[in-house]
PDB file of N, CA and C in Angstrom:
ATOM      1  N   MET A   1     -31.580  37.832 104.341  1.00  0.00           N
ATOM      2  CA  MET A   1     -32.235  37.996 105.643  1.00  0.00           C
ATOM      3  C   MET A   1     -32.457  39.285 106.252  1.00  0.00           C
ATOM      4  N   ILE A   2     -31.291  40.121 105.804  1.00  0.00           N
ATOM      5  CA  ILE A   2     -31.464  41.570 106.211  1.00  0.00           C
ATOM      6  C   ILE A   2     -32.501  42.254 105.417  1.00  0.00           C
ATOM      7  N   VAL A   3     -32.739  41.762 104.301  1.00  0.00           N
ATOM      8  CA  VAL A   3     -33.852  42.343 103.452  1.00  0.00           C
ATOM      9  C   VAL A   3     -35.177  42.104 103.970  1.00  0.00           C
ATOM     10  N   LEU A   4     -35.326  40.992 104.366  1.00  0.00           N
ATOM     11  CA  LEU A   4     -36.635  40.397 105.122  1.00  0.00           C
ATOM     12  C   LEU A   4     -36.853  41.121 106.389  1.00  0.00           C
ATOM     13  N   ILE A   5     -35.880  41.225 107.114  1.00  0.00           N
ATOM     14  CA  ILE A   5     -36.150  42.154 108.281  1.00  0.00           C
ATOM     15  C   ILE A   5     -36.302  43.500 108.239  1.00  0.00           C
ATOM     16  N   SER A   6     -35.603  44.118 107.308  1.00  0.00           N
ATOM     17  CA  SER A   6     -35.968  45.567 107.014  1.00  0.00           C
ATOM     18  C   SER A   6     -37.282  45.793 106.366  1.00  0.00           C
ATOM     19  N   GLY A   7     -37.741  44.843 105.357  1.00  0.00           N
ATOM     20  CA  GLY A   7     -39.073  44.762 104.950  1.00  0.00           C
ATOM     21  C   GLY A   7     -40.170  44.708 105.846  1.00  0.00           C
ATOM     22  N   THR A   8     -39.896  43.825 106.843  1.00  0.00           N
ATOM     23  CA  THR A   8     -40.893  43.640 108.030  1.00  0.00           C
ATOM     24  C   THR A   8     -41.052  44.907 108.812  1.00  0.00           C
ATOM     25  N   GLY A   9     -39.893  45.567 109.050  1.00  0.00           N
ATOM     26  CA  GLY A   9     -39.847  46.753 109.858  1.00  0.00           C
ATOM     27  C   GLY A   9     -40.445  47.961 109.151  1.00  0.00           C
ATOM     28  N   LEU A  10     -40.157  48.018 107.955  1.00  0.00           N
ATOM     29  CA  LEU A  10     -40.701  48.944 107.000  1.00  0.00           C
ATOM     30  C   LEU A  10     -42.368  48.816 107.000  1.00  0.00           C
ATOM     31  N   PHE A  11     -42.801  47.611 106.845  1.00  0.00           N
ATOM     32  CA  PHE A  11     -44.254  47.490 106.861  1.00  0.00           C
ATOM     33  C   PHE A  11     -44.737  47.795 108.219  1.00  0.00           C
ATOM     34  N   LEU A  12     -44.169  47.239 109.293  1.00  0.00           N
ATOM     35  CA  LEU A  12     -44.752  47.895 110.664  1.00  0.00           C
ATOM     36  C   LEU A  12     -44.754  49.166 110.770  1.00  0.00           C
ATOM     37  N   PHE A  13     -43.739  49.876 110.319  1.00  0.00           N
ATOM     38  CA  PHE A  13     -43.544  51.281 110.525  1.00  0.00           C
ATOM     39  C   PHE A  13     -44.640  51.935 109.716  1.00  0.00           C
ATOM     40  N   LEU A  14     -44.859  51.588 108.422  1.00  0.00           N
ATOM     41  CA  LEU A  14     -46.029  52.065 107.731  1.00  0.00           C
ATOM     42  C   LEU A  14     -47.305  51.839 108.253  1.00  0.00           C
ATOM     43  N   VAL A  15     -47.632  50.775 108.888  1.00  0.00           N
ATOM     44  CA  VAL A  15     -48.842  50.491 109.483  1.00  0.00           C
ATOM     45  C   VAL A  15     -49.070  51.379 110.818  1.00  0.00           C
ATOM     46  N   LYS A  16     -47.990  51.518 111.507  1.00  0.00           N
ATOM     47  CA  LYS A  16     -48.082  52.220 112.695  1.00  0.00           C
ATOM     48  C   LYS A  16     -48.350  53.711 112.199  1.00  0.00           C
ATOM     49  N   GLY A  17     -47.657  54.337 111.325  1.00  0.00           N
ATOM     50  CA  GLY A  17     -47.964  55.613 110.764  1.00  0.00           C
ATOM     51  C   GLY A  17     -49.237  55.696 110.307  1.00  0.00           C
ATOM     52  N   HIS A  18     -49.811  54.872 109.726  1.00  0.00           N
ATOM     53  CA  HIS A  18     -51.223  54.895 109.185  1.00  0.00           C
ATOM     54  C   HIS A  18     -52.269  55.099 110.331  1.00  0.00           C
ATOM     55  N   TYR A  19     -52.017  54.276 111.444  1.00  0.00           N
ATOM     56  CA  TYR A  19     -52.969  54.274 112.600  1.00  0.00           C
ATOM     57  C   TYR A  19     -52.718  55.674 113.327  1.00  0.00           C
ATOM     58  N   MET A  20     -51.415  56.161 113.495  1.00  0.00           N
ATOM     59  CA  MET A  20     -51.225  57.328 114.128  1.00  0.00           C
ATOM     60  C   MET A  20     -51.927  58.528 113.322  1.00  0.00           C
ATOM     61  N   LEU A  21     -52.011  58.599 112.010  1.00  0.00           N
ATOM     62  CA  LEU A  21     -52.693  59.463 111.346  1.00  0.00           C
ATOM     63  C   LEU A  21     -54.187  59.276 111.364  1.00  0.00           C
ATOM     64  N   HIS A  22     -54.636  58.135 111.330  1.00  0.00           N
ATOM     65  CA  HIS A  22     -56.003  57.857 111.464  1.00  0.00           C
ATOM     66  C   HIS A  22     -56.701  58.372 112.817  1.00  0.00           C
ATOM     67  N   ASN A  23     -55.825  58.058 113.901  1.00  0.00           N
ATOM     68  CA  ASN A  23     -56.190  58.554 115.228  1.00  0.00           C
ATOM     69  C   ASN A  23     -56.252  60.027 115.343  1.00  0.00           C
ATOM     70  N   THR A  24     -55.223  60.689 114.668  1.00  0.00           N
ATOM     71  CA  THR A  24     -55.228  62.060 114.652  1.00  0.00           C
ATOM     72  C   THR A  24     -56.469  62.736 114.045  1.00  0.00           C
ATOM     73  N   PHE A  25     -56.883  62.203 112.755  1.00  0.00           N
ATOM     74  CA  PHE A  25     -57.988  62.723 112.071  1.00  0.00           C
ATOM     75  C   PHE A  25     -59.174  62.388 112.812  1.00  0.00           C
ATOM     76  N   TYR A  26     -59.499  61.245 113.401  1.00  0.00           N
ATOM     77  CA  TYR A  26     -60.619  60.903 114.351  1.00  0.00           C
ATOM     78  C   TYR A  26     -60.669  61.975 115.440  1.00  0.00           C
ATOM     79  N   ARG A  27     -59.532  62.322 116.247  1.00  0.00           N
ATOM     80  CA  ARG A  27     -59.674  63.260 117.255  1.00  0.00           C
ATOM     81  C   ARG A  27     -60.141  64.690 116.846  1.00  0.00           C
ATOM     82  N   ILE A  28     -59.402  65.174 115.608  1.00  0.00           N
ATOM     83  CA  ILE A  28     -59.780  66.226 114.948  1.00  0.00           C
ATOM     84  C   ILE A  28     -61.241  66.439 114.579  1.00  0.00           C
ATOM     85  N   LYS A  29     -61.777  65.371 114.018  1.00  0.00           N
ATOM     86  CA  LYS A  29     -63.087  65.233 113.486  1.00  0.00           C
ATOM     87  C   LYS A  29     -64.107  65.395 114.621  1.00  0.00           C
ATOM     88  N   GLN A  30     -63.821  64.890 115.749  1.00  0.00           N
ATOM     89  CA  GLN A  30     -64.556  64.998 116.986  1.00  0.00           C
ATOM     90  C   GLN A  30     -64.747  66.403 117.528  1.00  0.00           C
ATOM     91  N   LYS A  31     -63.527  67.208 117.321  1.00  0.00           N
ATOM     92  CA  LYS A  31     -63.654  68.583 117.804  1.00  0.00           C
ATOM     93  C   LYS A  31     -63.939  69.536 116.740  1.00  0.00           C
ATOM     94  N   HIS A  32     -64.340  69.043 115.573  1.00  0.00           N
ATOM     95  CA  HIS A  32     -64.939  69.971 114.478  1.00  0.00           C
ATOM     96  C   HIS A  32     -63.785  71.047 114.192  1.00  0.00           C
ATOM     97  N   CYS A  33     -62.657  70.752 113.889  1.00  0.00           N
ATOM     98  CA  CYS A  33     -61.702  71.706 113.695  1.00  0.00           C
ATOM     99  C   CYS A  33     -61.966  72.048 112.242  1.00  0.00           C
ATOM    100  N   HIS A  34     -61.207  73.268 111.934  1.00  0.00           N
ATOM    101  CA  HIS A  34     -61.370  73.824 110.504  1.00  0.00           C
ATOM    102  C   HIS A  34     -60.403  72.884 109.553  1.00  0.00           C
ATOM    103  N   TRP A  35     -60.710  72.964 108.313  1.00  0.00           N
ATOM    104  CA  TRP A  35     -60.260  72.058 107.276  1.00  0.00           C
ATOM    105  C   TRP A  35     -58.718  72.582 107.264  1.00  0.00           C
ATOM    106  N   LEU A  36     -58.313  73.686 107.143  1.00  0.00           N
ATOM    107  CA  LEU A  36     -56.981  74.174 107.039  1.00  0.00           C
ATOM    108  C   LEU A  36     -55.981  73.577 108.297  1.00  0.00           C
ATOM    109  N   ILE A  37     -56.530  73.584 109.278  1.00  0.00           N
ATOM    110  CA  ILE A  37     -55.706  72.937 110.546  1.00  0.00           C
ATOM    111  C   ILE A  37     -55.583  71.570 110.295  1.00  0.00           C
ATOM    112  N   LEU A  38     -56.642  70.689 109.810  1.00  0.00           N
ATOM    113  CA  LEU A  38     -56.507  69.306 109.485  1.00  0.00           C
ATOM    114  C   LEU A  38     -55.515  69.109 108.419  1.00  0.00           C
ATOM    115  N   LYS A  39     -55.419  69.979 107.310  1.00  0.00           N
ATOM    116  CA  LYS A  39     -54.607  69.936 106.288  1.00  0.00           C
ATOM    117  C   LYS A  39     -53.152  70.112 106.679  1.00  0.00           C
ATOM    118  N   GLU A  40     -53.023  70.992 107.638  1.00  0.00           N
ATOM    119  CA  GLU A  40     -51.516  71.410 107.981  1.00  0.00           C
ATOM    120  C   GLU A  40     -51.110  70.247 108.777  1.00  0.00           C
ATOM    121  N   ILE A  41     -51.844  69.660 109.834  1.00  0.00           N
ATOM    122  CA  ILE A  41     -51.519  68.571 110.607  1.00  0.00           C
ATOM    123  C   ILE A  41     -51.110  67.439 109.722  1.00  0.00           C
ATOM    124  N   PHE A  42     -52.036  67.135 108.802  1.00  0.00           N
ATOM    125  CA  PHE A  42     -51.800  65.973 107.841  1.00  0.00           C
ATOM    126  C   PHE A  42     -50.246  66.334 107.247  1.00  0.00           C
ATOM    127  N   LEU A  43     -49.995  67.425 106.731  1.00  0.00           N
ATOM    128  CA  LEU A  43     -48.883  67.607 105.842  1.00  0.00           C
ATOM    129  C   LEU A  43     -47.592  67.505 106.910  1.00  0.00           C
ATOM    130  N   LEU A  44     -47.778  67.989 108.231  1.00  0.00           N
ATOM    131  CA  LEU A  44     -46.873  67.940 108.996  1.00  0.00           C
ATOM    132  C   LEU A  44     -46.527  66.477 109.469  1.00  0.00           C
ATOM    133  N   SER A  45     -47.516  65.584 109.557  1.00  0.00           N
ATOM    134  CA  SER A  45     -47.418  64.254 109.923  1.00  0.00           C
ATOM    135  C   SER A  45     -46.815  63.490 108.817  1.00  0.00           C
ATOM    136  N   MET A  46     -46.962  63.889 107.526  1.00  0.00           N
ATOM    137  CA  MET A  46     -46.398  63.122 106.435  1.00  0.00           C
ATOM    138  C   MET A  46     -44.882  63.452 106.377  1.00  0.00           C
ATOM    139  N   LEU A  47     -44.506  64.835 106.604  1.00  0.00           N
ATOM    140  CA  LEU A  47     -43.187  65.141 106.757  1.00  0.00           C
ATOM    141  C   LEU A  47     -42.508  64.434 107.808  1.00  0.00           C
ATOM    142  N   GLN A  48     -43.020  64.267 108.924  1.00  0.00           N
ATOM    143  CA  GLN A  48     -42.541  63.660 110.094  1.00  0.00           C
ATOM    144  C   GLN A  48     -42.229  62.176 109.801  1.00  0.00           C
ATOM    145  N   MET A  49     -43.155  61.596 109.042  1.00  0.00           N
ATOM    146  CA  MET A  49     -43.018  60.179 108.627  1.00  0.00           C
ATOM    147  C   MET A  49     -41.921  59.974 107.494  1.00  0.00           C
ATOM    148  N   GLN A  50     -41.838  60.988 106.618  1.00  0.00           N
ATOM    149  CA  GLN A  50     -40.866  60.804 105.681  1.00  0.00           C
ATOM    150  C   GLN A  50     -39.483  60.962 106.420  1.00  0.00           C
ATOM    151  N   SER A  51     -39.222  61.892 107.194  1.00  0.00           N
ATOM    152  CA  SER A  51     -37.961  62.095 107.880  1.00  0.00           C
ATOM    153  C   SER A  51     -37.665  60.729 108.788  1.00  0.00           C
ATOM    154  N   MET A  52     -38.695  60.205 109.483  1.00  0.00           N
ATOM    155  CA  MET A  52     -38.350  58.915 110.236  1.00  0.00           C
ATOM    156  C   MET A  52     -37.923  57.761 109.334  1.00  0.00           C
ATOM    157  N   LEU A  53     -38.609  57.940 108.021  1.00  0.00           N
ATOM    158  CA  LEU A  53     -38.396  56.663 107.107  1.00  0.00           C
ATOM    159  C   LEU A  53     -36.941  56.936 106.621  1.00  0.00           C
ATOM    160  N   LEU A  54     -36.526  58.157 106.297  1.00  0.00           N
ATOM    161  CA  LEU A  54     -35.076  58.354 105.789  1.00  0.00           C
ATOM    162  C   LEU A  54     -34.179  58.022 106.918  1.00  0.00           C
ATOM    163  N   ILE A  55     -34.388  58.187 108.169  1.00  0.00           N
ATOM    164  CA  ILE A  55     -33.500  57.928 109.234  1.00  0.00           C
ATOM    165  C   ILE A  55     -33.412  56.361 109.308  1.00  0.00           C
ATOM    166  N   MET A  56     -34.519  55.732 109.171  1.00  0.00           N
ATOM    167  CA  MET A  56     -34.555  54.269 109.236  1.00  0.00           C
ATOM    168  C   MET A  56     -33.800  53.580 108.017  1.00  0.00           C
ATOM    169  N   ILE A  57     -33.941  54.296 106.916  1.00  0.00           N
ATOM    170  CA  ILE A  57     -33.277  53.910 105.551  1.00  0.00           C
ATOM    171  C   ILE A  57     -31.757  53.871 105.809  1.00  0.00           C
ATOM    172  N   GLU A  58     -31.331  55.108 106.350  1.00  0.00           N
ATOM    173  CA  GLU A  58     -29.862  55.492 106.539  1.00  0.00           C
ATOM    174  C   GLU A  58     -29.271  54.547 107.638  1.00  0.00           C
ATOM    175  N   GLN A  59     -30.025  54.067 108.617  1.00  0.00           N
ATOM    176  CA  GLN A  59     -29.533  53.316 109.768  1.00  0.00           C
ATOM    177  C   GLN A  59     -29.376  51.605 108.987  1.00  0.00           C
ATOM    178  N   LEU A  60     -30.345  51.473 108.315  1.00  0.00           N
ATOM    179  CA  LEU A  60     -30.303  50.158 107.495  1.00  0.00           C
ATOM    180  C   LEU A  60     -28.960  50.037 106.615  1.00  0.00           C
ATOM    181  N   LEU A  61     -28.749  51.147 105.983  1.00  0.00           N
ATOM    182  CA  LEU A  61     -27.628  51.100 104.983  1.00  0.00           C
ATOM    183  C   LEU A  61     -26.435  51.099 105.768  1.00  0.00           C
ATOM    184  N   LYS A  62     -26.303  51.755 106.879  1.00  0.00           N
ATOM    185  CA  LYS A  62     -25.081  51.946 107.658  1.00  0.00           C
ATOM    186  C   LYS A  62     -24.809  50.553 108.215  1.00  0.00           C
ATOM    187  N   ASN A  63     -25.836  49.914 108.757  1.00  0.00           N
ATOM    188  CA  ASN A  63     -25.621  48.409 109.231  1.00  0.00           C
ATOM    189  C   ASN A  63     -25.134  47.595 108.062  1.00  0.00           C
ATOM    190  N   TYR A  64     -25.715  47.769 106.980  1.00  0.00           N
ATOM    191  CA  TYR A  64     -25.340  46.774 105.918  1.00  0.00           C
ATOM    192  C   TYR A  64     -23.874  47.120 105.393  1.00  0.00           C
ATOM    193  N   LEU A  65     -23.430  48.299 105.483  1.00  0.00           N
ATOM    194  CA  LEU A  65     -22.137  48.550 104.964  1.00  0.00           C
ATOM    195  C   LEU A  65     -21.008  48.136 106.019  1.00  0.00           C
ATOM    196  N   GLN A  66     -21.474  48.260 107.281  1.00  0.00           N
ATOM    197  CA  GLN A  66     -20.606  47.669 108.457  1.00  0.00           C
ATOM    198  C   GLN A  66     -20.478  46.230 108.274  1.00  0.00           C
ATOM    199  N   ASP A  67     -21.585  45.437 107.974  1.00  0.00           N
ATOM    200  CA  ASP A  67     -21.363  44.058 108.004  1.00  0.00           C
ATOM    201  C   ASP A  67     -20.824  43.730 106.629  1.00  0.00           C
ATOM    202  N   TYR A  68     -20.861  44.488 105.572  1.00  0.00           N
ATOM    203  CA  TYR A  68     -20.146  44.153 104.346  1.00  0.00           C
ATOM    204  C   TYR A  68     -18.617  44.474 104.678  1.00  0.00           C
ATOM    205  N   ALA A  69     -18.236  45.531 105.317  1.00  0.00           N
ATOM    206  CA  ALA A  69     -16.867  45.927 105.485  1.00  0.00           C
ATOM    207  C   ALA A  69     -16.201  44.801 106.430  1.00  0.00           C
ATOM    208  N   TRP A  70     -17.042  44.313 107.365  1.00  0.00           N
ATOM    209  CA  TRP A  70     -16.455  43.134 108.209  1.00  0.00           C
ATOM    210  C   TRP A  70     -16.393  41.969 107.464  1.00  0.00           C
ATOM    211  N   TYR A  71     -17.168  41.583 106.422  1.00  0.00           N
ATOM    212  CA  TYR A  71     -17.010  40.484 105.672  1.00  0.00           C
ATOM    213  C   TYR A  71     -15.731  40.569 104.743  1.00  0.00           C
ATOM    214  N   LEU A  72     -15.453  41.784 104.177  1.00  0.00           N
ATOM    215  CA  LEU A  72     -14.315  42.007 103.440  1.00  0.00           C
ATOM    216  C   LEU A  72     -13.048  41.964 104.052  1.00  0.00           C
ATOM    217  N   LYS A  73     -13.136  42.452 105.360  1.00  0.00           N
ATOM    218  CA  LYS A  73     -11.826  42.388 106.107  1.00  0.00           C
ATOM    219  C   LYS A  73     -11.549  40.985 106.676  1.00  0.00           C
ATOM    220  N   ASN A  74     -12.573  40.221 106.968  1.00  0.00           N
ATOM    221  CA  ASN A  74     -12.246  38.829 107.376  1.00  0.00           C
ATOM    222  C   ASN A  74     -12.193  37.861 106.232  1.00  0.00           C
ATOM    223  N   MET A  75     -12.501  38.336 105.021  1.00  0.00           N
ATOM    224  CA  MET A  75     -12.393  37.238 103.998  1.00  0.00           C
ATOM    225  C   MET A  75     -10.907  37.115 103.628  1.00  0.00           C
ATOM    226  N   HIS A  76     -10.188  38.140 103.586  1.00  0.00           N
ATOM    227  CA  HIS A  76      -8.803  38.158 103.036  1.00  0.00           C
ATOM    228  C   HIS A  76      -7.908  37.574 104.144  1.00  0.00           C
ATOM    229  N   LEU A  77      -8.238  37.278 105.373  1.00  0.00           N
ATOM    230  CA  LEU A  77      -7.425  36.846 106.427  1.00  0.00           C
ATOM    231  C   LEU A  77      -6.851  35.231 106.196  1.00  0.00           C
TER     232      LEU A  77
END
C-alpha cells in the first residue's frame, strides 16, 4: 500500500513538474527570449525537480523505516 501511494505521488509530482516546465517555455516563447536564457531556465528547473524528487524519496524512506522500526518493536512484545 505504501508503494502504491508513493507511486501515485511520484506520478502526480512528475505531471505537475511537466506542466510547470511547459508553462515556463510558453511564457518565454511569447517574450521571444534568447535560446541561452531558455536553456539555462530549463536546466535550473530540472535541477530543482531533481532536488525535490530526492527530498520526496528521502521522506518516503524515512517513513518506511519508522514504520518498520515500529513493527519490529511491537512484534517482540
